[in-house]
Amino acid sequence: MKKSAKPQIGFLGIMQELYDDMLPGITERQEKYARDVIERLKGVADFYFPGATRNRNDIERIVKEFNEKGLDGIMIVMLTYGPATNVVNALRNNRLPIMLANIQPVSTVTEDWDMGDLTYNQGVHGAQDTSNAIVRLGIKCPVITEDWHSEEFKAFVEDWAKAVQTINALRNMKIAQFGRMHGMYDILGDEAAFTRKIGPQINQEYIGEVYRYMEMVTEEEIDAIIEENRKNFYIDPKLTEERHRYAARLQLGFKKFLMNKGYDGFSAHFDVFKGDGRFKQIPMMAASNLMAEGYGYAAEGDAITASLVAAGHMLIGDAHFTEMYAMDFKRDSILMSHMGEGNWKIARKDRPIKLVDRELGIGRLDNPPTIVFMAEPGPATLVSLVSLEGEKYRLVVSKGEILDTEEAKHIEMPYFHFKPSTGVRSCLDGWLKNGGTHHQCLNLGDNARRWKLLCELLDIEYVEV
């Protein structure tokens, strides 16, 4: 999966021709203000600003240009008042997500202001007119009113820009599904509705194709994986060279398959490997290392959560697949883990990440080398995408903290304690009442606003528990 570059954002600066006769040079002055805002935001996104729009034709031409360039979204800024009728047709034909930044050049009104100052800083009533048009068009449009010099403004624009970049990625995303666990209800949904509403295309694939790619792997490629593992992990002395090399071959088979067929993630049910008859292991090491490279992943054929993890990589970075294993009422936390897959990029920095020889009856094959780690203590955000009915989806979100706990002697898979900010009882009551699924995506940090903006723009219900 390609690493995410900065979001590409169109800057739609709106004013009107009326003021040019009254205040000669106002257009150039307000364009400089727009460029100052862009300079302030240069670390957040790459902005495209073709100049101020002064009439309906300007707006329609520039919005069309933003769409033709395939930008991620459009930030609307009122450089002065501009009549909102000018934006209606442009926004009716626009396919890109938008936001309205209600800002002005100067943050404080002083006793020295004259008619020029009032005109330069009068964007708020233009924002009202424009927002009214957006509401009546039925368009989802996040809004922020803030001093554009502030860190809060910069943070909001960054969160929105990452959300619209993620929407663009979702619309172009492909997820490979290799089988699906029988009877697992919360991973089921209408795949056609999922593609229409959220974007990813889910394809049923044959695991035999991965095997054919494994046959193409060279010994030199396997050597490179082994060497990379030695750099990143403490290697269990009990892990034989034969098992390690086979796990590396399996990882390379999956990666070649994903790259050559243009997939952003995958989900495989463990029984397909035994059922095929040619595989010696299930791909625990492959899943973890490929997640660390930025691919989406979920277990047991859960393509929805694999898509969510892929979205988490784009929206925030270093997304991790996990599930709730057990409740700890003493710590007021939940023990998080899964069968052996996890993104080791979230591992705590003060303890070694281990690659162990793992006995695992699930899958009914040879010991799968497994990457074992605990997550970095600190804030974290846990999310679950719930398929309700047709195109109705709900994102269930829990903000909380990864606890600093001692290692568990006998857990040979990625694990950690997650303490919800609302407490384990209230969180899980809310999770269950809202249909939260048993597979989740976790990112380090408090990232709730980014997920909320993503839901707002996709018209998905957002619930914090």
Protein backbone atom coordinates (compact mmCIF):
# COMPACT_ATOMS: atom_id res chain seq x y z
CA MET A 1 0.00 0.00 0.00
CA LYS A 2 1.29 3.44 -0.87
CA LYS A 3 2.34 5.62 2.03
CA SER A 4 0.09 8.67 2.31
CA ALA A 5 1.40 11.95 0.97
CA LYS A 6 -0.06 15.23 2.20
CA PRO A 7 -3.71 15.85 1.30
CA GLN A 8 -4.31 17.89 -1.86
CA ILE A 9 -6.77 20.70 -1.12
CA GLY A 10 -8.36 23.37 -3.27
CA PHE A 11 -8.60 26.83 -1.65
CA LEU A 12 -11.80 28.56 -2.82
CA GLY A 13 -11.47 32.23 -1.85
CA ILE A 14 -14.75 34.09 -2.46
CA MET A 15 -15.37 37.83 -2.82
CA GLN A 16 -17.26 39.99 -5.34
CA GLU A 17 -16.54 42.59 -8.02
CA LEU A 18 -18.55 45.30 -6.24
CA TYR A 19 -15.65 46.21 -3.93
CA ASP A 20 -13.00 46.81 -6.62
CA ASP A 21 -14.36 50.26 -7.50
CA MET A 22 -14.85 51.17 -3.85
CA LEU A 23 -11.43 49.95 -2.68
CA PRO A 24 -8.94 49.70 -5.57
CA GLY A 25 -6.43 46.90 -4.94
CA ILE A 26 -8.72 44.96 -2.61
CA THR A 27 -8.52 41.79 -4.72
CA GLU A 28 -4.73 41.73 -4.56
CA ARG A 29 -4.81 42.50 -0.85
CA GLN A 30 -7.23 39.67 -0.06
CA GLU A 31 -5.32 37.24 -2.28
CA LYS A 32 -2.23 37.98 -0.19
CA TYR A 33 -4.28 37.21 2.92
CA ALA A 34 -5.30 33.89 1.34
CA ARG A 35 -1.66 33.05 0.60
CA ASP A 36 -0.74 33.92 4.20
CA VAL A 37 -3.36 31.43 5.44
CA ILE A 38 -1.97 28.79 3.07
CA GLU A 39 1.55 29.46 4.32
CA ARG A 40 0.32 28.96 7.87
CA LEU A 41 -1.12 25.59 6.82
CA LYS A 42 1.73 24.38 4.62
CA GLY A 43 2.62 21.49 6.92
CA VAL A 44 -0.99 20.26 6.94
CA ALA A 45 -1.73 19.88 3.22
CA ASP A 46 -0.71 21.02 -0.24
CA PHE A 47 -3.10 23.80 -1.24
CA TYR A 48 -4.00 24.86 -4.77
CA PHE A 49 -5.09 28.51 -4.97
CA PRO A 50 -5.67 29.86 -8.50
CA GLY A 51 -6.72 33.28 -7.20
CA ALA A 52 -9.78 34.96 -5.74
CA THR A 53 -13.19 34.29 -7.26
CA ARG A 54 -15.22 37.44 -7.88
CA ASN A 55 -18.33 36.16 -9.68
CA ARG A 56 -20.31 33.05 -10.55
CA ASN A 57 -18.22 32.20 -13.61
CA ASP A 58 -15.01 32.33 -11.57
CA ILE A 59 -16.43 30.01 -8.94
CA GLU A 60 -17.81 27.48 -11.43
CA ARG A 61 -14.58 27.45 -13.43
CA ILE A 62 -12.33 26.96 -10.41
CA VAL A 63 -14.51 24.33 -8.70
CA LYS A 64 -14.60 22.41 -11.99
CA GLU A 65 -10.80 22.70 -12.15
CA PHE A 66 -10.45 21.33 -8.60
CA ASN A 67 -12.54 18.32 -9.60
CA GLU A 68 -10.60 17.72 -12.81
CA LYS A 69 -7.35 17.79 -10.88
CA GLY A 70 -8.66 15.04 -8.59
CA LEU A 71 -8.00 16.98 -5.39
CA ASP A 72 -9.06 15.52 -2.06
CA GLY A 73 -11.32 18.37 -0.99
CA ILE A 74 -12.17 22.09 -1.09
CA MET A 75 -11.74 24.60 1.73
CA ILE A 76 -14.07 27.59 1.28
CA VAL A 77 -12.93 30.94 2.71
CA MET A 78 -14.88 34.18 2.40
CA LEU A 79 -12.28 36.80 1.49
CA THR A 80 -15.10 39.36 1.72
CA TYR A 81 -18.85 39.05 1.46
CA GLY A 82 -19.91 37.26 -1.71
CA PRO A 83 -23.53 36.51 -2.69
CA ALA A 84 -24.21 32.81 -2.22
CA THR A 85 -26.25 32.43 -5.41
CA ASN A 86 -22.87 32.42 -7.15
CA VAL A 87 -21.85 29.14 -5.49
CA VAL A 88 -25.04 27.09 -5.98
CA ASN A 89 -24.42 25.67 -9.44
CA ALA A 90 -20.73 25.05 -8.76
CA LEU A 91 -21.52 23.08 -5.60
CA ARG A 92 -24.38 21.22 -7.29
CA ASN A 93 -21.87 19.83 -9.81
CA ASN A 94 -19.02 19.36 -7.33
CA ARG A 95 -17.94 15.83 -6.34
CA LEU A 96 -15.34 16.78 -3.73
CA PRO A 97 -15.89 17.09 0.04
CA ILE A 98 -15.99 20.67 1.28
CA MET A 99 -15.49 22.62 4.48
CA LEU A 100 -16.18 26.24 5.41
CA ALA A 101 -13.48 28.13 7.30
CA ASN A 102 -15.13 31.13 8.94
CA ILE A 103 -12.04 33.30 9.42
CA GLN A 104 -10.96 36.88 8.73
CA PRO A 105 -7.62 38.65 8.23
CA VAL A 106 -7.48 40.45 11.61
CA SER A 107 -8.64 38.86 14.85
CA THR A 108 -9.48 42.04 16.83
CA VAL A 109 -11.63 45.09 16.04
CA THR A 110 -9.94 48.33 17.10
CA GLU A 111 -11.05 51.96 17.44
CA ASP A 112 -8.93 52.87 14.39
CA TRP A 113 -10.93 50.73 11.93
CA ASP A 114 -12.37 52.52 8.90
CA MET A 115 -14.64 51.39 6.05
CA GLY A 116 -11.72 49.61 4.40
CA ASP A 117 -10.98 47.56 7.52
CA LEU A 118 -14.66 46.68 7.84
CA THR A 119 -14.74 45.46 4.25
CA TYR A 120 -11.51 43.47 4.46
CA ASN A 121 -12.77 41.64 7.56
CA GLN A 122 -16.46 41.21 6.75
CA GLY A 123 -16.36 37.57 5.74
CA VAL A 124 -18.67 36.36 8.50
CA HIS A 125 -21.90 37.49 6.86
CA GLY A 126 -20.72 36.01 3.57
CA ALA A 127 -20.09 32.77 5.46
CA GLN A 128 -23.69 32.90 6.70
CA ASP A 129 -25.10 33.37 3.21
CA THR A 130 -22.85 30.65 1.75
CA SER A 131 -23.55 28.21 4.58
CA ASN A 132 -27.28 28.76 4.13
CA ALA A 133 -26.94 27.75 0.48
CA ILE A 134 -24.89 24.67 1.42
CA VAL A 135 -27.48 23.58 3.99
CA ARG A 136 -30.32 24.01 1.50
CA LEU A 137 -28.38 21.98 -1.08
CA GLY A 138 -28.20 19.15 1.47
CA ILE A 139 -24.38 19.02 1.37
CA LYS A 140 -22.39 17.79 4.38
CA CYS A 141 -19.98 20.61 5.27
CA PRO A 142 -17.89 20.81 8.45
CA VAL A 143 -17.47 24.38 9.71
CA ILE A 144 -14.92 26.06 11.95
CA THR A 145 -15.01 29.60 13.34
CA GLU A 146 -11.57 30.46 14.64
CA ASP A 147 -8.60 32.84 14.53
CA TRP A 148 -6.60 31.50 11.59
CA HIS A 149 -3.32 32.08 13.44
CA SER A 150 -4.33 29.64 16.20
CA GLU A 151 -3.17 26.09 16.70
CA GLU A 152 -6.78 24.96 17.02
CA PHE A 153 -7.54 26.21 13.50
CA LYS A 154 -4.50 24.44 12.10
CA ALA A 155 -5.38 21.21 13.93
CA PHE A 156 -8.99 21.26 12.70
CA VAL A 157 -7.96 21.82 9.08
CA GLU A 158 -5.43 19.00 9.38
CA ASP A 159 -8.07 16.63 10.78
CA TRP A 160 -10.53 17.57 8.03
CA ALA A 161 -7.87 17.30 5.32
CA LYS A 162 -6.90 13.80 6.47
CA ALA A 163 -10.59 12.85 6.56
CA VAL A 164 -11.19 13.92 2.96
CA GLN A 165 -7.95 12.28 1.84
CA THR A 166 -9.20 9.08 3.46
CA ILE A 167 -12.54 9.36 1.65
CA ASN A 168 -10.65 9.63 -1.64
CA ALA A 169 -8.59 6.57 -0.69
CA LEU A 170 -11.71 4.60 0.30
CA ARG A 171 -13.32 5.32 -3.05
CA ASN A 172 -10.32 3.80 -4.81
CA MET A 173 -9.71 0.96 -2.34
CA LYS A 174 -9.71 -2.78 -3.09
CA ILE A 175 -9.81 -5.46 -0.38
CA ALA A 176 -9.11 -9.15 -1.06
CA GLN A 177 -11.20 -11.67 0.87
CA PHE A 178 -10.06 -15.29 1.20
CA GLY A 179 -12.98 -17.17 2.67
CA ARG A 180 -15.11 -16.20 5.66
CA MET A 181 -15.64 -17.86 9.02
CA HIS A 182 -18.93 -19.71 9.19
CA GLY A 183 -21.48 -18.34 11.62
CA MET A 184 -19.64 -15.09 12.45
CA TYR A 185 -22.55 -12.64 12.20
CA ASP A 186 -21.10 -9.18 12.86
CA ILE A 187 -18.73 -9.36 9.87
CA LEU A 188 -21.66 -9.82 7.46
CA GLY A 189 -23.20 -7.01 5.44
CA ASP A 190 -24.40 -5.95 2.01
CA GLU A 191 -21.15 -5.69 0.04
CA ALA A 192 -22.78 -3.74 -2.80
CA ALA A 193 -24.17 -1.24 -0.28
CA PHE A 194 -20.74 -1.05 1.39
CA THR A 195 -19.11 -0.10 -1.91
CA ARG A 196 -21.82 2.44 -2.74
CA LYS A 197 -21.77 4.09 0.67
CA ILE A 198 -18.16 3.87 1.80
CA GLY A 199 -16.14 2.98 -1.29
CA PRO A 200 -13.99 -0.15 -1.04
CA GLN A 201 -14.46 -2.92 -3.56
CA ILE A 202 -14.40 -6.35 -1.89
CA ASN A 203 -13.27 -9.20 -4.13
CA GLN A 204 -13.46 -12.92 -3.35
CA GLU A 205 -10.06 -14.37 -4.23
CA TYR A 206 -8.53 -17.84 -4.44
CA ILE A 207 -5.81 -18.62 -1.90
CA GLY A 208 -4.13 -20.72 -4.57
CA GLU A 209 -3.04 -17.49 -6.28
CA VAL A 210 -1.03 -16.59 -3.20
CA TYR A 211 0.59 -20.02 -3.37
CA ARG A 212 1.59 -19.43 -7.00
CA TYR A 213 3.24 -16.16 -5.99
CA MET A 214 5.05 -18.02 -3.19
CA GLU A 215 6.53 -20.35 -5.80
CA MET A 216 8.05 -17.33 -7.57
CA VAL A 217 9.84 -16.07 -4.44
CA THR A 218 13.65 -16.25 -4.57
CA GLU A 219 15.99 -17.28 -1.77
CA GLU A 220 17.54 -13.80 -1.90
CA GLU A 221 14.12 -12.23 -1.23
CA ILE A 222 13.65 -14.56 1.74
CA ASP A 223 17.11 -13.64 3.03
CA ALA A 224 16.13 -9.96 2.93
CA ILE A 225 12.99 -10.60 5.01
CA ILE A 226 14.98 -12.62 7.56
CA GLU A 227 17.55 -9.85 7.84
CA GLU A 228 14.83 -7.21 8.29
CA ASN A 229 13.23 -9.32 11.02
CA ARG A 230 16.56 -9.56 12.81
CA LYS A 231 16.79 -5.76 12.80
CA ASN A 232 13.26 -5.31 14.12
CA PHE A 233 12.73 -8.24 16.50
CA TYR A 234 14.29 -10.45 19.11
CA ILE A 235 14.26 -13.87 17.42
CA ASP A 236 13.22 -16.80 19.60
CA PRO A 237 16.11 -19.35 19.64
CA LYS A 238 13.51 -22.12 19.35
CA LEU A 239 12.33 -20.76 15.98
CA THR A 240 13.88 -22.98 13.35
CA GLU A 241 15.38 -21.60 10.17
CA GLU A 242 12.97 -23.74 8.16
CA ARG A 243 9.86 -22.29 9.82
CA HIS A 244 11.21 -18.75 9.66
CA ARG A 245 12.01 -19.03 5.97
CA TYR A 246 8.62 -20.55 5.19
CA ALA A 247 6.86 -17.67 7.02
CA ALA A 248 8.97 -15.22 5.00
CA ARG A 249 8.00 -16.98 1.76
CA LEU A 250 4.33 -16.80 2.78
CA GLN A 251 4.67 -13.08 3.55
CA LEU A 252 6.28 -12.44 0.18
CA GLY A 253 3.58 -14.45 -1.58
CA PHE A 254 0.90 -12.27 -0.04
CA LYS A 255 2.77 -9.03 -0.75
CA LYS A 256 3.38 -9.92 -4.39
CA PHE A 257 -0.28 -10.85 -4.75
CA LEU A 258 -1.46 -7.56 -3.16
CA MET A 259 0.94 -5.42 -5.18
CA ASN A 260 0.36 -7.08 -8.55
CA LYS A 261 -3.43 -7.01 -8.20
CA GLY A 262 -3.64 -3.52 -6.71
CA TYR A 263 -5.06 -4.41 -3.30
CA ASP A 264 -4.93 -2.13 -0.25
CA GLY A 265 -5.66 -4.87 2.25
CA PHE A 266 -6.88 -8.41 2.79
CA SER A 267 -8.70 -10.74 5.13
CA ALA A 268 -8.22 -14.50 5.24
CA HIS A 269 -10.10 -17.15 7.20
CA PHE A 270 -7.59 -19.52 8.81
CA ASP A 271 -9.35 -22.67 7.54
CA VAL A 272 -8.73 -21.85 3.86
CA PHE A 273 -5.02 -22.70 4.28
CA LYS A 274 -5.63 -26.20 5.60
CA GLY A 275 -8.46 -26.62 3.13
CA ASP A 276 -6.21 -25.81 0.19
CA GLY A 277 -3.83 -28.57 1.23
CA ARG A 278 -0.58 -26.95 0.08
CA PHE A 279 0.19 -24.57 2.96
CA LYS A 280 2.34 -25.42 5.99
CA GLN A 281 1.41 -22.41 8.17
CA ILE A 282 -1.21 -19.73 8.58
CA PRO A 283 0.16 -16.22 7.91
CA MET A 284 0.61 -14.69 11.38
CA MET A 285 3.97 -13.07 10.59
CA ALA A 286 2.79 -11.96 7.16
CA ALA A 287 -0.30 -10.24 8.58
CA SER A 288 1.72 -8.32 11.18
CA ASN A 289 4.53 -7.25 8.88
CA LEU A 290 2.15 -6.22 6.10
CA MET A 291 0.07 -4.16 8.53
CA ALA A 292 3.31 -2.46 9.57
CA GLU A 293 3.88 -1.62 5.88
CA GLY A 294 0.48 0.10 5.68
CA TYR A 295 -1.84 -2.62 4.39
CA GLY A 296 -5.31 -3.10 5.82
CA TYR A 297 -5.94 -6.42 7.54
CA ALA A 298 -8.55 -8.28 9.54
CA ALA A 299 -8.97 -11.93 10.39
CA GLU A 300 -11.58 -14.56 9.50
CA GLY A 301 -12.73 -12.96 6.25
CA ASP A 302 -13.83 -9.67 7.87
CA ALA A 303 -13.41 -7.39 4.87
CA ILE A 304 -15.26 -4.51 6.58
CA THR A 305 -12.70 -4.28 9.39
CA ALA A 306 -9.84 -4.80 6.92
CA SER A 307 -11.17 -1.71 5.11
CA LEU A 308 -11.40 0.13 8.44
CA VAL A 309 -7.77 -0.67 9.26
CA ALA A 310 -6.72 0.51 5.78
CA ALA A 311 -8.68 3.72 6.40
CA GLY A 312 -6.99 4.07 9.80
CA HIS A 313 -3.59 3.95 8.11
CA MET A 314 -4.56 6.89 5.87
CA LEU A 315 -6.55 8.89 8.40
CA ILE A 316 -4.05 8.65 11.26
CA GLY A 317 -1.22 6.21 10.52
CA ASP A 318 -0.06 2.88 11.97
CA ALA A 319 -3.49 1.30 12.37
CA HIS A 320 -3.71 -1.91 14.40
CA PHE A 321 -6.19 -4.80 14.12
CA THR A 322 -7.40 -6.14 17.46
CA GLU A 323 -10.34 -7.40 19.50
CA MET A 324 -11.56 -7.40 23.10
CA TYR A 325 -10.46 -10.60 24.82
CA ALA A 326 -11.35 -10.16 28.49
CA MET A 327 -12.52 -7.59 31.03
CA ASP A 328 -10.33 -6.56 33.97
CA PHE A 329 -12.53 -4.90 36.58
CA LYS A 330 -9.62 -4.28 38.94
CA ARG A 331 -7.77 -2.21 36.33
CA ASP A 332 -11.05 -0.91 34.84
CA SER A 333 -9.70 -2.05 31.50
CA ILE A 334 -10.10 -4.51 28.62
CA LEU A 335 -7.40 -6.96 27.60
CA MET A 336 -6.96 -6.46 23.84
CA SER A 337 -5.46 -9.12 21.60
CA HIS A 338 -6.15 -11.47 18.71
CA MET A 339 -4.90 -14.80 17.41
CA GLY A 340 -1.41 -13.50 16.60
CA GLU A 341 -1.72 -10.58 14.20
CA GLY A 342 -0.91 -6.99 15.06
CA ASN A 343 0.82 -3.88 13.78
CA TRP A 344 4.12 -3.82 15.67
CA LYS A 345 4.59 -0.14 14.76
CA ILE A 346 2.45 0.62 17.84
CA ALA A 347 4.69 -1.47 20.13
CA ARG A 348 6.09 0.08 23.30
CA LYS A 349 9.60 1.38 22.78
CA ASP A 350 11.15 0.16 26.03
CA ARG A 351 10.66 -3.58 25.49
CA PRO A 352 11.84 -5.85 22.69
CA ILE A 353 9.42 -7.02 20.02
CA LYS A 354 9.69 -10.78 19.80
CA LEU A 355 9.34 -13.20 16.91
CA VAL A 356 8.49 -16.51 18.56
CA ASP A 357 8.00 -20.14 17.64
CA ARG A 358 4.31 -20.45 18.42
CA GLU A 359 2.26 -23.56 19.01
CA LEU A 360 -1.24 -22.85 17.67
CA GLY A 361 -3.93 -25.45 17.16
CA ILE A 362 -6.17 -23.01 15.27
CA GLY A 363 -5.61 -23.59 11.58
CA ARG A 364 -4.43 -27.18 12.21
CA LEU A 365 -1.05 -26.58 10.55
CA ASP A 366 2.60 -26.22 11.64
CA ASN A 367 3.68 -23.64 14.25
CA PRO A 368 3.27 -20.16 12.74
CA PRO A 369 6.10 -17.74 13.67
CA THR A 370 4.32 -14.94 15.54
CA ILE A 371 5.32 -11.36 16.37
CA VAL A 372 4.63 -10.61 20.05
CA PHE A 373 4.57 -7.14 21.61
CA MET A 374 2.71 -4.85 23.99
CA ALA A 375 1.41 -1.47 22.80
CA GLU A 376 2.94 1.87 23.78
CA PRO A 377 1.24 3.22 26.94
CA GLY A 378 -0.76 6.42 26.50
CA PRO A 379 -3.89 7.74 24.78
CA ALA A 380 -5.52 5.57 22.12
CA THR A 381 -8.72 5.44 20.07
CA LEU A 382 -10.66 2.23 19.36
CA VAL A 383 -13.24 2.08 16.56
CA SER A 384 -15.70 -0.45 15.14
CA LEU A 385 -17.69 -0.11 11.91
CA VAL A 386 -21.16 -1.62 12.28
CA SER A 387 -23.20 -2.69 9.27
CA LEU A 388 -26.82 -2.04 10.29
CA GLU A 389 -29.07 -2.34 7.24
CA GLY A 390 -28.50 -1.55 3.57
CA GLU A 391 -26.45 1.65 3.40
CA LYS A 392 -26.89 2.42 7.13
CA TYR A 393 -23.60 2.20 9.05
CA ARG A 394 -22.52 3.23 12.52
CA LEU A 395 -19.03 3.91 13.83
CA VAL A 396 -18.71 3.01 17.50
CA VAL A 397 -15.77 4.81 19.12
CA SER A 398 -14.06 4.53 22.48
CA LYS A 399 -11.38 6.95 23.59
CA GLY A 400 -9.09 5.72 26.31
CA GLU A 401 -5.62 4.86 27.49
CA ILE A 402 -3.26 1.96 26.96
CA LEU A 403 -2.02 1.05 30.43
CA ASP A 404 1.58 0.51 31.47
CA THR A 405 1.37 -3.10 32.68
CA GLU A 406 3.82 -5.91 33.25
CA GLU A 407 4.37 -8.59 30.63
CA ALA A 408 2.13 -11.65 30.77
CA LYS A 409 4.27 -14.79 30.87
CA HIS A 410 2.14 -17.01 28.69
CA ILE A 411 0.46 -14.74 26.09
CA GLU A 412 2.17 -15.37 22.76
CA MET A 413 0.39 -12.77 20.65
CA PRO A 414 0.15 -8.96 20.58
CA TYR A 415 -1.68 -7.73 23.70
CA PHE A 416 -2.25 -4.77 25.98
CA HIS A 417 -4.76 -3.33 28.46
CA PHE A 418 -7.06 -0.59 27.09
CA LYS A 419 -8.79 1.54 29.72
CA PRO A 420 -11.81 3.38 28.26
CA SER A 421 -12.18 6.99 29.37
CA THR A 422 -15.77 6.24 30.39
CA GLY A 423 -14.80 3.13 32.37
CA VAL A 424 -15.05 -0.49 31.33
CA ARG A 425 -18.67 -0.94 32.47
CA SER A 426 -20.13 2.13 30.80
CA CYS A 427 -18.02 1.67 27.67
CA LEU A 428 -19.02 -1.95 27.14
CA ASP A 429 -22.68 -1.27 27.92
CA GLY A 430 -22.64 1.38 25.20
CA TRP A 431 -20.60 -0.81 22.85
CA LEU A 432 -23.05 -3.69 23.13
CA LYS A 433 -26.19 -1.54 22.92
CA ASN A 434 -24.88 0.06 19.72
CA GLY A 435 -23.94 -3.25 18.07
CA GLY A 436 -20.18 -2.69 18.23
CA THR A 437 -18.41 -5.55 16.48
CA HIS A 438 -15.85 -7.92 17.99
CA HIS A 439 -13.13 -6.89 15.50
CA GLN A 440 -11.74 -3.37 15.83
CA CYS A 441 -9.17 -0.88 14.59
CA LEU A 442 -6.97 0.93 17.12
CA ASN A 443 -4.66 3.90 16.67
CA LEU A 444 -2.42 5.52 19.24
CA GLY A 445 -3.51 9.00 20.32
CA ASP A 446 -6.86 10.76 20.68
CA ASN A 447 -8.10 10.71 17.10
CA ALA A 448 -11.85 10.87 17.69
CA ARG A 449 -12.35 14.13 15.80
CA ARG A 450 -10.82 12.73 12.63
CA TRP A 451 -13.13 9.72 12.75
CA LYS A 452 -16.08 12.00 13.50
CA LEU A 453 -15.32 14.24 10.53
CA LEU A 454 -14.98 11.18 8.31
CA CYS A 455 -18.40 9.97 9.47
CA GLU A 456 -19.98 13.39 8.97
CA LEU A 457 -18.75 13.58 5.38
CA LEU A 458 -19.76 9.98 4.60
CA ASP A 459 -23.13 10.41 6.35
CA ILE A 460 -22.42 7.60 8.81
CA GLU A 461 -23.77 7.61 12.36
CA TYR A 462 -21.03 8.35 14.92
CA VAL A 463 -21.37 7.13 18.53
CA GLU A 464 -18.85 7.53 21.37
CA VAL A 465 -19.16 5.12 24.28
